[in-house]
Structures are given as structure tokens and as C-alpha cells.
Amino acid sequence: VATTSLCVKPRVLVSAHARPWRSIEQLRAAVQAGQVVRSPIEILARLL
């Protein structure tokens, strides 16, 4: 498995991994395609 560590704060979400992670790349593609995200917590919920 690939592991990602995340830290969610009011103004920033930090994600970090050593190997590519499918779910992060899928979410990144959605963000690049224009999907509106309202908060860092929404990103965490989507990843879960």
C-alpha cells in the first residue's frame, strides 16, 4: 500500500507521501477539472 500523511488546519491542508497514491491523484484531477472545494475538511472527507 501507499501511505499519505495529512494535516488539516483552517487555512491549509498539507499532504505528503513517498509513493504515488491513487485517491490523491483522482482528487487532484477533479480539482484541476474545476471541481469546487469549500474547505480542507471537505478534501479529507473525499479522500476517506
All heavy atoms as atom14 arrays in JSON, in Angstrom:
{
  "sequence": "VATTSLCVKPRVLVSAHARPWRSIEQLRAAVQAGQVVRSPIEILARLL",
  "atom14_mask": [
    [1, 1, 1, 1, 1, 1, 1, 0, 0, 0, 0, 0, 0, 0],
    [1, 1, 1, 1, 1, 0, 0, 0, 0, 0, 0, 0, 0, 0],
    [1, 1, 1, 1, 1, 1, 1, 0, 0, 0, 0, 0, 0, 0],
    [1, 1, 1, 1, 1, 1, 1, 0, 0, 0, 0, 0, 0, 0],
    [1, 1, 1, 1, 1, 1, 0, 0, 0, 0, 0, 0, 0, 0],
    [1, 1, 1, 1, 1, 1, 1, 1, 0, 0, 0, 0, 0, 0],
    [1, 1, 1, 1, 1, 1, 0, 0, 0, 0, 0, 0, 0, 0],
    [1, 1, 1, 1, 1, 1, 1, 0, 0, 0, 0, 0, 0, 0],
    [1, 1, 1, 1, 1, 1, 1, 1, 1, 0, 0, 0, 0, 0],
    [1, 1, 1, 1, 1, 1, 1, 0, 0, 0, 0, 0, 0, 0],
    [1, 1, 1, 1, 1, 1, 1, 1, 1, 1, 1, 0, 0, 0],
    [1, 1, 1, 1, 1, 1, 1, 0, 0, 0, 0, 0, 0, 0],
    [1, 1, 1, 1, 1, 1, 1, 1, 0, 0, 0, 0, 0, 0],
    [1, 1, 1, 1, 1, 1, 1, 0, 0, 0, 0, 0, 0, 0],
    [1, 1, 1, 1, 1, 1, 0, 0, 0, 0, 0, 0, 0, 0],
    [1, 1, 1, 1, 1, 0, 0, 0, 0, 0, 0, 0, 0, 0],
    [1, 1, 1, 1, 1, 1, 1, 1, 1, 1, 0, 0, 0, 0],
    [1, 1, 1, 1, 1, 0, 0, 0, 0, 0, 0, 0, 0, 0],
    [1, 1, 1, 1, 1, 1, 1, 1, 1, 1, 1, 0, 0, 0],
    [1, 1, 1, 1, 1, 1, 1, 0, 0, 0, 0, 0, 0, 0],
    [1, 1, 1, 1, 1, 1, 1, 1, 1, 1, 1, 1, 1, 1],
    [1, 1, 1, 1, 1, 1, 1, 1, 1, 1, 1, 0, 0, 0],
    [1, 1, 1, 1, 1, 1, 0, 0, 0, 0, 0, 0, 0, 0],
    [1, 1, 1, 1, 1, 1, 1, 1, 0, 0, 0, 0, 0, 0],
    [1, 1, 1, 1, 1, 1, 1, 1, 1, 0, 0, 0, 0, 0],
    [1, 1, 1, 1, 1, 1, 1, 1, 1, 0, 0, 0, 0, 0],
    [1, 1, 1, 1, 1, 1, 1, 1, 0, 0, 0, 0, 0, 0],
    [1, 1, 1, 1, 1, 1, 1, 1, 1, 1, 1, 0, 0, 0],
    [1, 1, 1, 1, 1, 0, 0, 0, 0, 0, 0, 0, 0, 0],
    [1, 1, 1, 1, 1, 0, 0, 0, 0, 0, 0, 0, 0, 0],
    [1, 1, 1, 1, 1, 1, 1, 0, 0, 0, 0, 0, 0, 0],
    [1, 1, 1, 1, 1, 1, 1, 1, 1, 0, 0, 0, 0, 0],
    [1, 1, 1, 1, 1, 0, 0, 0, 0, 0, 0, 0, 0, 0],
    [1, 1, 1, 1, 0, 0, 0, 0, 0, 0, 0, 0, 0, 0],
    [1, 1, 1, 1, 1, 1, 1, 1, 1, 0, 0, 0, 0, 0],
    [1, 1, 1, 1, 1, 1, 1, 0, 0, 0, 0, 0, 0, 0],
    [1, 1, 1, 1, 1, 1, 1, 0, 0, 0, 0, 0, 0, 0],
    [1, 1, 1, 1, 1, 1, 1, 1, 1, 1, 1, 0, 0, 0],
    [1, 1, 1, 1, 1, 1, 0, 0, 0, 0, 0, 0, 0, 0],
    [1, 1, 1, 1, 1, 1, 1, 0, 0, 0, 0, 0, 0, 0],
    [1, 1, 1, 1, 1, 1, 1, 1, 0, 0, 0, 0, 0, 0],
    [1, 1, 1, 1, 1, 1, 1, 1, 1, 0, 0, 0, 0, 0],
    [1, 1, 1, 1, 1, 1, 1, 1, 0, 0, 0, 0, 0, 0],
    [1, 1, 1, 1, 1, 1, 1, 1, 0, 0, 0, 0, 0, 0],
    [1, 1, 1, 1, 1, 0, 0, 0, 0, 0, 0, 0, 0, 0],
    [1, 1, 1, 1, 1, 1, 1, 1, 1, 1, 1, 0, 0, 0],
    [1, 1, 1, 1, 1, 1, 1, 1, 0, 0, 0, 0, 0, 0],
    [1, 1, 1, 1, 1, 1, 1, 1, 0, 0, 0, 0, 0, 0]
  ],
  "atom14_positions": [
    [[0.84, -1.19, 0.0], [0.0, 0.0, 0.0], [0.88, 1.25, 0.0], [2.04, 1.2, 0.38], [-0.95, 0.04, 1.22], [-1.94, -1.1, 1.16], [-0.18, 0.03, 2.51], [0.0, 0.0, 0.0], [0.0, 0.0, 0.0], [0.0, 0.0, 0.0], [0.0, 0.0, 0.0], [0.0, 0.0, 0.0], [0.0, 0.0, 0.0], [0.0, 0.0, 0.0]],
    [[0.31, 2.33, -0.44], [0.96, 3.64, -0.35], [0.31, 4.37, 0.81], [-0.88, 4.25, 1.04], [0.77, 4.41, -1.65], [0.0, 0.0, 0.0], [0.0, 0.0, 0.0], [0.0, 0.0, 0.0], [0.0, 0.0, 0.0], [0.0, 0.0, 0.0], [0.0, 0.0, 0.0], [0.0, 0.0, 0.0], [0.0, 0.0, 0.0], [0.0, 0.0, 0.0]],
    [[1.1, 5.12, 1.53], [0.62, 5.82, 2.72], [0.79, 7.32, 2.53], [1.83, 7.77, 2.04], [1.4, 5.36, 3.96], [1.24, 3.95, 4.09], [0.9, 6.05, 5.21], [0.0, 0.0, 0.0], [0.0, 0.0, 0.0], [0.0, 0.0, 0.0], [0.0, 0.0, 0.0], [0.0, 0.0, 0.0], [0.0, 0.0, 0.0], [0.0, 0.0, 0.0]],
    [[-0.21, 8.07, 2.93], [-0.14, 9.52, 2.89], [-0.45, 10.07, 4.27], [-1.4, 9.63, 4.92], [-1.14, 10.11, 1.87], [-0.79, 9.64, 0.57], [-1.13, 11.62, 1.87], [0.0, 0.0, 0.0], [0.0, 0.0, 0.0], [0.0, 0.0, 0.0], [0.0, 0.0, 0.0], [0.0, 0.0, 0.0], [0.0, 0.0, 0.0], [0.0, 0.0, 0.0]],
    [[0.37, 11.0, 4.71], [0.1, 11.72, 5.96], [-0.51, 13.06, 5.59], [-0.08, 13.69, 4.62], [1.39, 11.94, 6.74], [1.87, 10.71, 7.24], [0.0, 0.0, 0.0], [0.0, 0.0, 0.0], [0.0, 0.0, 0.0], [0.0, 0.0, 0.0], [0.0, 0.0, 0.0], [0.0, 0.0, 0.0], [0.0, 0.0, 0.0], [0.0, 0.0, 0.0]],
    [[-1.51, 13.48, 6.35], [-2.17, 14.75, 6.09], [-2.29, 15.54, 7.38], [-2.42, 14.95, 8.45], [-3.59, 14.52, 5.55], [-3.69, 13.79, 4.23], [-4.23, 12.41, 4.46], [-4.6, 14.54, 3.31], [0.0, 0.0, 0.0], [0.0, 0.0, 0.0], [0.0, 0.0, 0.0], [0.0, 0.0, 0.0], [0.0, 0.0, 0.0], [0.0, 0.0, 0.0]],
    [[-2.25, 16.84, 7.23], [-2.53, 17.73, 8.35], [-3.51, 18.77, 7.84], [-3.24, 19.46, 6.85], [-1.27, 18.39, 8.88], [-1.6, 19.37, 10.38], [0.0, 0.0, 0.0], [0.0, 0.0, 0.0], [0.0, 0.0, 0.0], [0.0, 0.0, 0.0], [0.0, 0.0, 0.0], [0.0, 0.0, 0.0], [0.0, 0.0, 0.0], [0.0, 0.0, 0.0]],
    [[-4.66, 18.84, 8.5], [-5.71, 19.77, 8.11], [-5.77, 20.88, 9.15], [-5.96, 20.62, 10.34], [-7.08, 19.05, 8.04], [-8.17, 20.02, 7.64], [-7.02, 17.87, 7.08], [0.0, 0.0, 0.0], [0.0, 0.0, 0.0], [0.0, 0.0, 0.0], [0.0, 0.0, 0.0], [0.0, 0.0, 0.0], [0.0, 0.0, 0.0], [0.0, 0.0, 0.0]],
    [[-5.59, 22.1, 8.67], [-5.69, 23.29, 9.51], [-6.71, 24.23, 8.85], [-7.07, 24.01, 7.71], [-4.33, 23.96, 9.64], [-3.3, 23.09, 10.37], [-1.96, 23.74, 10.5], [-1.91, 24.92, 11.38], [-1.94, 24.72, 12.81], [0.0, 0.0, 0.0], [0.0, 0.0, 0.0], [0.0, 0.0, 0.0], [0.0, 0.0, 0.0], [0.0, 0.0, 0.0]],
    [[-7.14, 25.26, 9.53], [-8.14, 26.15, 8.93], [-7.73, 26.76, 7.58], [-8.56, 26.91, 6.7], [-8.32, 27.24, 10.0], [-7.98, 26.55, 11.28], [-6.87, 25.59, 10.93], [0.0, 0.0, 0.0], [0.0, 0.0, 0.0], [0.0, 0.0, 0.0], [0.0, 0.0, 0.0], [0.0, 0.0, 0.0], [0.0, 0.0, 0.0], [0.0, 0.0, 0.0]],
    [[-6.47, 27.09, 7.38], [-6.05, 27.78, 6.15], [-5.2, 26.94, 5.21], [-4.81, 27.38, 4.15], [-5.26, 29.04, 6.5], [-6.12, 30.04, 7.27], [-5.45, 31.37, 7.39], [-5.24, 31.96, 6.08], [-4.13, 32.59, 5.72], [-3.13, 32.73, 6.54], [-4.01, 33.09, 4.51], [0.0, 0.0, 0.0], [0.0, 0.0, 0.0], [0.0, 0.0, 0.0]],
    [[-4.9, 25.69, 5.64], [-4.01, 24.88, 4.81], [-4.24, 23.39, 5.07], [-4.53, 23.0, 6.2], [-2.52, 25.25, 5.04], [-2.08, 24.93, 6.45], [-1.61, 24.59, 4.03], [0.0, 0.0, 0.0], [0.0, 0.0, 0.0], [0.0, 0.0, 0.0], [0.0, 0.0, 0.0], [0.0, 0.0, 0.0], [0.0, 0.0, 0.0], [0.0, 0.0, 0.0]],
    [[-4.16, 22.63, 4.01], [-4.11, 21.18, 4.11], [-2.78, 20.76, 3.51], [-2.44, 21.17, 2.4], [-5.25, 20.52, 3.33], [-5.24, 18.99, 3.39], [-6.66, 18.46, 3.51], [-4.55, 18.38, 2.2], [0.0, 0.0, 0.0], [0.0, 0.0, 0.0], [0.0, 0.0, 0.0], [0.0, 0.0, 0.0], [0.0, 0.0, 0.0], [0.0, 0.0, 0.0]],
    [[-2.01, 20.01, 4.27], [-0.72, 19.5, 3.81], [-0.86, 18.0, 3.65], [-1.36, 17.32, 4.54], [0.4, 19.82, 4.83], [1.69, 19.1, 4.46], [0.62, 21.32, 4.93], [0.0, 0.0, 0.0], [0.0, 0.0, 0.0], [0.0, 0.0, 0.0], [0.0, 0.0, 0.0], [0.0, 0.0, 0.0], [0.0, 0.0, 0.0], [0.0, 0.0, 0.0]],
    [[-0.45, 17.49, 2.5], [-0.4, 16.05, 2.28], [1.02, 15.69, 1.87], [1.7, 16.47, 1.18], [-1.42, 15.61, 1.22], [-1.25, 16.31, 0.01], [0.0, 0.0, 0.0], [0.0, 0.0, 0.0], [0.0, 0.0, 0.0], [0.0, 0.0, 0.0], [0.0, 0.0, 0.0], [0.0, 0.0, 0.0], [0.0, 0.0, 0.0], [0.0, 0.0, 0.0]],
    [[1.46, 14.51, 2.29], [2.83, 14.09, 1.99], [2.88, 12.58, 1.87], [2.31, 11.86, 2.7], [3.78, 14.56, 3.09], [0.0, 0.0, 0.0], [0.0, 0.0, 0.0], [0.0, 0.0, 0.0], [0.0, 0.0, 0.0], [0.0, 0.0, 0.0], [0.0, 0.0, 0.0], [0.0, 0.0, 0.0], [0.0, 0.0, 0.0], [0.0, 0.0, 0.0]],
    [[3.54, 12.11, 0.82], [3.72, 10.66, 0.65], [5.06, 10.35, -0.01], [5.69, 11.23, -0.6], [2.57, 10.06, -0.16], [2.53, 10.48, -1.59], [1.36, 10.8, -2.21], [3.48, 10.61, -2.53], [1.61, 11.12, -3.48], [2.89, 11.01, -3.69], [0.0, 0.0, 0.0], [0.0, 0.0, 0.0], [0.0, 0.0, 0.0], [0.0, 0.0, 0.0]],
    [[5.47, 9.09, 0.11], [6.71, 8.65, -0.51], [6.45, 8.04, -1.89], [7.3, 8.07, -2.75], [7.41, 7.62, 0.38], [0.0, 0.0, 0.0], [0.0, 0.0, 0.0], [0.0, 0.0, 0.0], [0.0, 0.0, 0.0], [0.0, 0.0, 0.0], [0.0, 0.0, 0.0], [0.0, 0.0, 0.0], [0.0, 0.0, 0.0], [0.0, 0.0, 0.0]],
    [[5.24, 7.49, -2.09], [4.89, 6.86, -3.36], [3.55, 7.39, -3.84], [2.71, 7.79, -3.03], [4.77, 5.35, -3.19], [6.1, 4.69, -2.94], [5.91, 3.22, -2.85], [5.51, 2.9, -1.48], [5.38, 1.69, -1.01], [5.57, 0.67, -1.79], [5.05, 1.49, 0.24], [0.0, 0.0, 0.0], [0.0, 0.0, 0.0], [0.0, 0.0, 0.0]],
    [[3.31, 7.39, -5.16], [2.04, 7.88, -5.7], [0.85, 7.17, -5.06], [0.88, 5.98, -4.79], [2.13, 7.55, -7.19], [3.58, 7.48, -7.47], [4.21, 6.93, -6.22], [0.0, 0.0, 0.0], [0.0, 0.0, 0.0], [0.0, 0.0, 0.0], [0.0, 0.0, 0.0], [0.0, 0.0, 0.0], [0.0, 0.0, 0.0], [0.0, 0.0, 0.0]],
    [[-0.17, 7.95, -4.85], [-1.37, 7.47, -4.17], [-2.56, 7.71, -5.07], [-2.84, 8.85, -5.47], [-1.48, 8.27, -2.87], [-2.26, 7.67, -1.78], [-2.05, 6.47, -1.17], [-3.37, 8.26, -1.12], [-2.96, 6.29, -0.17], [-3.79, 7.37, -0.11], [-4.06, 9.46, -1.26], [-4.86, 7.63, 0.73], [-5.11, 9.73, -0.43], [-5.51, 8.82, 0.56]],
    [[-3.27, 6.66, -5.46], [-4.33, 6.74, -6.45], [-5.42, 7.74, -6.06], [-5.83, 8.57, -6.88], [-4.94, 5.36, -6.67], [-6.01, 5.4, -7.72], [-6.76, 4.11, -7.97], [-6.38, 2.99, -7.19], [-6.43, 1.74, -7.61], [-6.83, 1.48, -8.83], [-6.1, 0.75, -6.82], [0.0, 0.0, 0.0], [0.0, 0.0, 0.0], [0.0, 0.0, 0.0]],
    [[-5.92, 7.7, -4.84], [-7.02, 8.57, -4.44], [-6.64, 10.04, -4.48], [-7.44, 10.89, -4.86], [-7.53, 8.19, -3.06], [-8.06, 6.88, -3.08], [0.0, 0.0, 0.0], [0.0, 0.0, 0.0], [0.0, 0.0, 0.0], [0.0, 0.0, 0.0], [0.0, 0.0, 0.0], [0.0, 0.0, 0.0], [0.0, 0.0, 0.0], [0.0, 0.0, 0.0]],
    [[-5.41, 10.37, -4.08], [-4.97, 11.77, -4.13], [-4.91, 12.23, -5.58], [-5.32, 13.34, -5.91], [-3.59, 11.94, -3.45], [-3.76, 11.81, -1.96], [-2.93, 13.24, -3.86], [-3.19, 12.89, -1.1], [0.0, 0.0, 0.0], [0.0, 0.0, 0.0], [0.0, 0.0, 0.0], [0.0, 0.0, 0.0], [0.0, 0.0, 0.0], [0.0, 0.0, 0.0]],
    [[-4.4, 11.38, -6.46], [-4.31, 11.76, -7.88], [-5.69, 11.92, -8.5], [-5.9, 12.81, -9.32], [-3.46, 10.75, -8.65], [-1.99, 10.79, -8.26], [-1.34, 12.17, -8.42], [-1.64, 12.89, -9.4], [-0.53, 12.54, -7.56], [0.0, 0.0, 0.0], [0.0, 0.0, 0.0], [0.0, 0.0, 0.0], [0.0, 0.0, 0.0], [0.0, 0.0, 0.0]],
    [[-6.65, 11.08, -8.09], [-8.02, 11.23, -8.59], [-8.62, 12.55, -8.13], [-9.27, 13.25, -8.9], [-8.89, 10.06, -8.13], [-8.55, 8.76, -8.82], [-9.3, 7.57, -8.23], [-9.83, 7.63, -7.12], [-9.31, 6.47, -8.96], [0.0, 0.0, 0.0], [0.0, 0.0, 0.0], [0.0, 0.0, 0.0], [0.0, 0.0, 0.0], [0.0, 0.0, 0.0]],
    [[-8.42, 12.88, -6.86], [-8.95, 14.14, -6.33], [-8.25, 15.33, -6.97], [-8.89, 16.32, -7.32], [-8.82, 14.18, -4.81], [-9.37, 15.44, -4.13], [-10.8, 15.74, -4.55], [-9.28, 15.29, -2.62], [0.0, 0.0, 0.0], [0.0, 0.0, 0.0], [0.0, 0.0, 0.0], [0.0, 0.0, 0.0], [0.0, 0.0, 0.0], [0.0, 0.0, 0.0]],
    [[-6.95, 15.23, -7.15], [-6.22, 16.3, -7.82], [-6.75, 16.52, -9.23], [-6.94, 17.66, -9.66], [-4.73, 15.97, -7.86], [-3.92, 17.05, -8.55], [-2.46, 16.67, -8.6], [-1.72, 17.73, -9.27], [-0.63, 17.53, -9.96], [-0.12, 16.33, -10.06], [-0.02, 18.54, -10.54], [0.0, 0.0, 0.0], [0.0, 0.0, 0.0], [0.0, 0.0, 0.0]],
    [[-7.05, 15.45, -9.95], [-7.6, 15.57, -11.31], [-8.96, 16.27, -11.28], [-9.25, 17.12, -12.13], [-7.72, 14.2, -11.96], [0.0, 0.0, 0.0], [0.0, 0.0, 0.0], [0.0, 0.0, 0.0], [0.0, 0.0, 0.0], [0.0, 0.0, 0.0], [0.0, 0.0, 0.0], [0.0, 0.0, 0.0], [0.0, 0.0, 0.0], [0.0, 0.0, 0.0]],
    [[-9.78, 15.97, -10.28], [-11.09, 16.63, -10.15], [-10.91, 18.11, -9.87], [-11.62, 18.95, -10.43], [-11.9, 15.97, -9.03], [0.0, 0.0, 0.0], [0.0, 0.0, 0.0], [0.0, 0.0, 0.0], [0.0, 0.0, 0.0], [0.0, 0.0, 0.0], [0.0, 0.0, 0.0], [0.0, 0.0, 0.0], [0.0, 0.0, 0.0], [0.0, 0.0, 0.0]],
    [[-9.94, 18.46, -9.01], [-9.67, 19.87, -8.7], [-9.17, 20.59, -9.97], [-9.61, 21.69, -10.29], [-8.64, 20.0, -7.55], [-8.11, 21.42, -7.42], [-9.29, 19.55, -6.24], [0.0, 0.0, 0.0], [0.0, 0.0, 0.0], [0.0, 0.0, 0.0], [0.0, 0.0, 0.0], [0.0, 0.0, 0.0], [0.0, 0.0, 0.0], [0.0, 0.0, 0.0]],
    [[-8.28, 19.94, -10.71], [-7.77, 20.54, -11.95], [-8.89, 20.73, -12.98], [-8.85, 21.66, -13.77], [-6.68, 19.67, -12.57], [-5.36, 19.78, -11.85], [-4.31, 18.87, -12.47], [-4.56, 17.71, -12.77], [-3.11, 19.42, -12.64], [0.0, 0.0, 0.0], [0.0, 0.0, 0.0], [0.0, 0.0, 0.0], [0.0, 0.0, 0.0], [0.0, 0.0, 0.0]],
    [[-9.88, 19.84, -12.95], [-11.0, 19.94, -13.88], [-12.02, 20.98, -13.46], [-13.02, 21.2, -14.16], [-11.68, 18.57, -14.02], [0.0, 0.0, 0.0], [0.0, 0.0, 0.0], [0.0, 0.0, 0.0], [0.0, 0.0, 0.0], [0.0, 0.0, 0.0], [0.0, 0.0, 0.0], [0.0, 0.0, 0.0], [0.0, 0.0, 0.0], [0.0, 0.0, 0.0]],
    [[-11.79, 21.64, -12.31], [-12.67, 22.73, -11.9], [-13.65, 22.41, -10.79], [-14.5, 23.25, -10.47], [0.0, 0.0, 0.0], [0.0, 0.0, 0.0], [0.0, 0.0, 0.0], [0.0, 0.0, 0.0], [0.0, 0.0, 0.0], [0.0, 0.0, 0.0], [0.0, 0.0, 0.0], [0.0, 0.0, 0.0], [0.0, 0.0, 0.0], [0.0, 0.0, 0.0]],
    [[-13.56, 21.23, -10.2], [-14.47, 20.92, -9.1], [-14.23, 21.91, -7.95], [-13.1, 22.14, -7.54], [-14.26, 19.5, -8.6], [-15.23, 19.12, -7.5], [-15.11, 17.67, -7.11], [-14.12, 17.01, -7.38], [-16.14, 17.18, -6.46], [0.0, 0.0, 0.0], [0.0, 0.0, 0.0], [0.0, 0.0, 0.0], [0.0, 0.0, 0.0], [0.0, 0.0, 0.0]],
    [[-15.29, 22.5, -7.45], [-15.2, 23.47, -6.36], [-15.14, 22.72, -5.03], [-15.92, 21.81, -4.78], [-16.41, 24.44, -6.39], [-16.4, 25.36, -5.18], [-16.4, 25.25, -7.68], [0.0, 0.0, 0.0], [0.0, 0.0, 0.0], [0.0, 0.0, 0.0], [0.0, 0.0, 0.0], [0.0, 0.0, 0.0], [0.0, 0.0, 0.0], [0.0, 0.0, 0.0]],
    [[-14.17, 23.09, -4.21], [-13.99, 22.5, -2.88], [-14.11, 23.65, -1.88], [-13.48, 24.69, -2.04], [-12.62, 21.81, -2.76], [-12.43, 21.26, -1.36], [-12.48, 20.71, -3.79], [0.0, 0.0, 0.0], [0.0, 0.0, 0.0], [0.0, 0.0, 0.0], [0.0, 0.0, 0.0], [0.0, 0.0, 0.0], [0.0, 0.0, 0.0], [0.0, 0.0, 0.0]],
    [[-14.92, 23.45, -0.84], [-15.21, 24.54, 0.1], [-14.27, 24.62, 1.29], [-14.17, 25.69, 1.91], [-16.64, 24.39, 0.61], [-17.68, 24.55, -0.49], [-19.05, 24.27, 0.06], [-19.06, 22.94, 0.64], [-19.92, 21.99, 0.31], [-20.86, 22.23, -0.55], [-19.85, 20.8, 0.87], [0.0, 0.0, 0.0], [0.0, 0.0, 0.0], [0.0, 0.0, 0.0]],
    [[-13.6, 23.5, 1.65], [-12.78, 23.55, 2.86], [-11.75, 22.43, 2.85], [-11.92, 21.43, 2.14], [-13.66, 23.42, 4.11], [-14.14, 22.09, 4.21], [0.0, 0.0, 0.0], [0.0, 0.0, 0.0], [0.0, 0.0, 0.0], [0.0, 0.0, 0.0], [0.0, 0.0, 0.0], [0.0, 0.0, 0.0], [0.0, 0.0, 0.0], [0.0, 0.0, 0.0]],
    [[-10.71, 22.57, 3.67], [-9.74, 21.47, 3.8], [-10.4, 20.19, 4.34], [-10.03, 19.09, 3.94], [-8.72, 22.02, 4.81], [-8.84, 23.49, 4.75], [-10.28, 23.76, 4.42], [0.0, 0.0, 0.0], [0.0, 0.0, 0.0], [0.0, 0.0, 0.0], [0.0, 0.0, 0.0], [0.0, 0.0, 0.0], [0.0, 0.0, 0.0], [0.0, 0.0, 0.0]],
    [[-11.4, 20.33, 5.2], [-12.1, 19.16, 5.74], [-12.83, 18.42, 4.62], [-12.91, 17.19, 4.63], [-13.1, 19.59, 6.86], [-12.34, 20.11, 8.07], [-14.02, 18.45, 7.24], [-11.51, 19.08, 8.8], [0.0, 0.0, 0.0], [0.0, 0.0, 0.0], [0.0, 0.0, 0.0], [0.0, 0.0, 0.0], [0.0, 0.0, 0.0], [0.0, 0.0, 0.0]],
    [[-13.35, 19.15, 3.66], [-14.03, 18.5, 2.52], [-13.04, 17.64, 1.73], [-13.39, 16.55, 1.26], [-14.66, 19.56, 1.62], [-15.52, 18.96, 0.52], [-16.24, 20.02, -0.3], [-16.56, 21.1, 0.23], [-16.48, 19.75, -1.48], [0.0, 0.0, 0.0], [0.0, 0.0, 0.0], [0.0, 0.0, 0.0], [0.0, 0.0, 0.0], [0.0, 0.0, 0.0]],
    [[-11.81, 18.09, 1.6], [-10.78, 17.29, 0.9], [-10.51, 16.02, 1.7], [-10.47, 14.92, 1.13], [-9.49, 18.11, 0.71], [-9.74, 19.23, -0.3], [-8.33, 17.21, 0.24], [-8.58, 20.21, -0.46], [0.0, 0.0, 0.0], [0.0, 0.0, 0.0], [0.0, 0.0, 0.0], [0.0, 0.0, 0.0], [0.0, 0.0, 0.0], [0.0, 0.0, 0.0]],
    [[-10.34, 16.14, 3.01], [-10.1, 14.97, 3.85], [-11.26, 13.99, 3.75], [-11.05, 12.78, 3.57], [-9.87, 15.38, 5.31], [-9.72, 14.24, 6.31], [-8.51, 13.38, 5.99], [-9.62, 14.8, 7.73], [0.0, 0.0, 0.0], [0.0, 0.0, 0.0], [0.0, 0.0, 0.0], [0.0, 0.0, 0.0], [0.0, 0.0, 0.0], [0.0, 0.0, 0.0]],
    [[-12.49, 14.48, 3.82], [-13.67, 13.61, 3.73], [-13.7, 12.89, 2.39], [-14.0, 11.69, 2.32], [-14.94, 14.43, 3.94], [0.0, 0.0, 0.0], [0.0, 0.0, 0.0], [0.0, 0.0, 0.0], [0.0, 0.0, 0.0], [0.0, 0.0, 0.0], [0.0, 0.0, 0.0], [0.0, 0.0, 0.0], [0.0, 0.0, 0.0], [0.0, 0.0, 0.0]],
    [[-13.39, 13.6, 1.33], [-13.37, 12.99, -0.01], [-12.3, 11.9, -0.08], [-12.54, 10.82, -0.63], [-13.12, 14.07, -1.05], [-12.83, 13.59, -2.44], [-14.1, 13.24, -3.22], [-13.74, 12.71, -4.51], [-13.69, 13.42, -5.63], [-14.0, 14.69, -5.62], [-13.36, 12.84, -6.76], [0.0, 0.0, 0.0], [0.0, 0.0, 0.0], [0.0, 0.0, 0.0]],
    [[-11.12, 12.14, 0.49], [-10.06, 11.13, 0.47], [-10.47, 9.89, 1.26], [-10.19, 8.76, 0.85], [-8.76, 11.71, 1.01], [-8.08, 12.73, 0.09], [-6.9, 13.38, 0.8], [-7.64, 12.08, -1.21], [0.0, 0.0, 0.0], [0.0, 0.0, 0.0], [0.0, 0.0, 0.0], [0.0, 0.0, 0.0], [0.0, 0.0, 0.0], [0.0, 0.0, 0.0]],
    [[-11.15, 10.07, 2.38], [-11.61, 8.93, 3.16], [-12.68, 8.14, 2.4], [-12.67, 6.91, 2.4], [-12.14, 9.39, 4.52], [-11.06, 9.88, 5.5], [-11.71, 10.55, 6.71], [-10.14, 8.75, 5.92], [0.0, 0.0, 0.0], [0.0, 0.0, 0.0], [0.0, 0.0, 0.0], [0.0, 0.0, 0.0], [0.0, 0.0, 0.0], [0.0, 0.0, 0.0]]
  ]
}
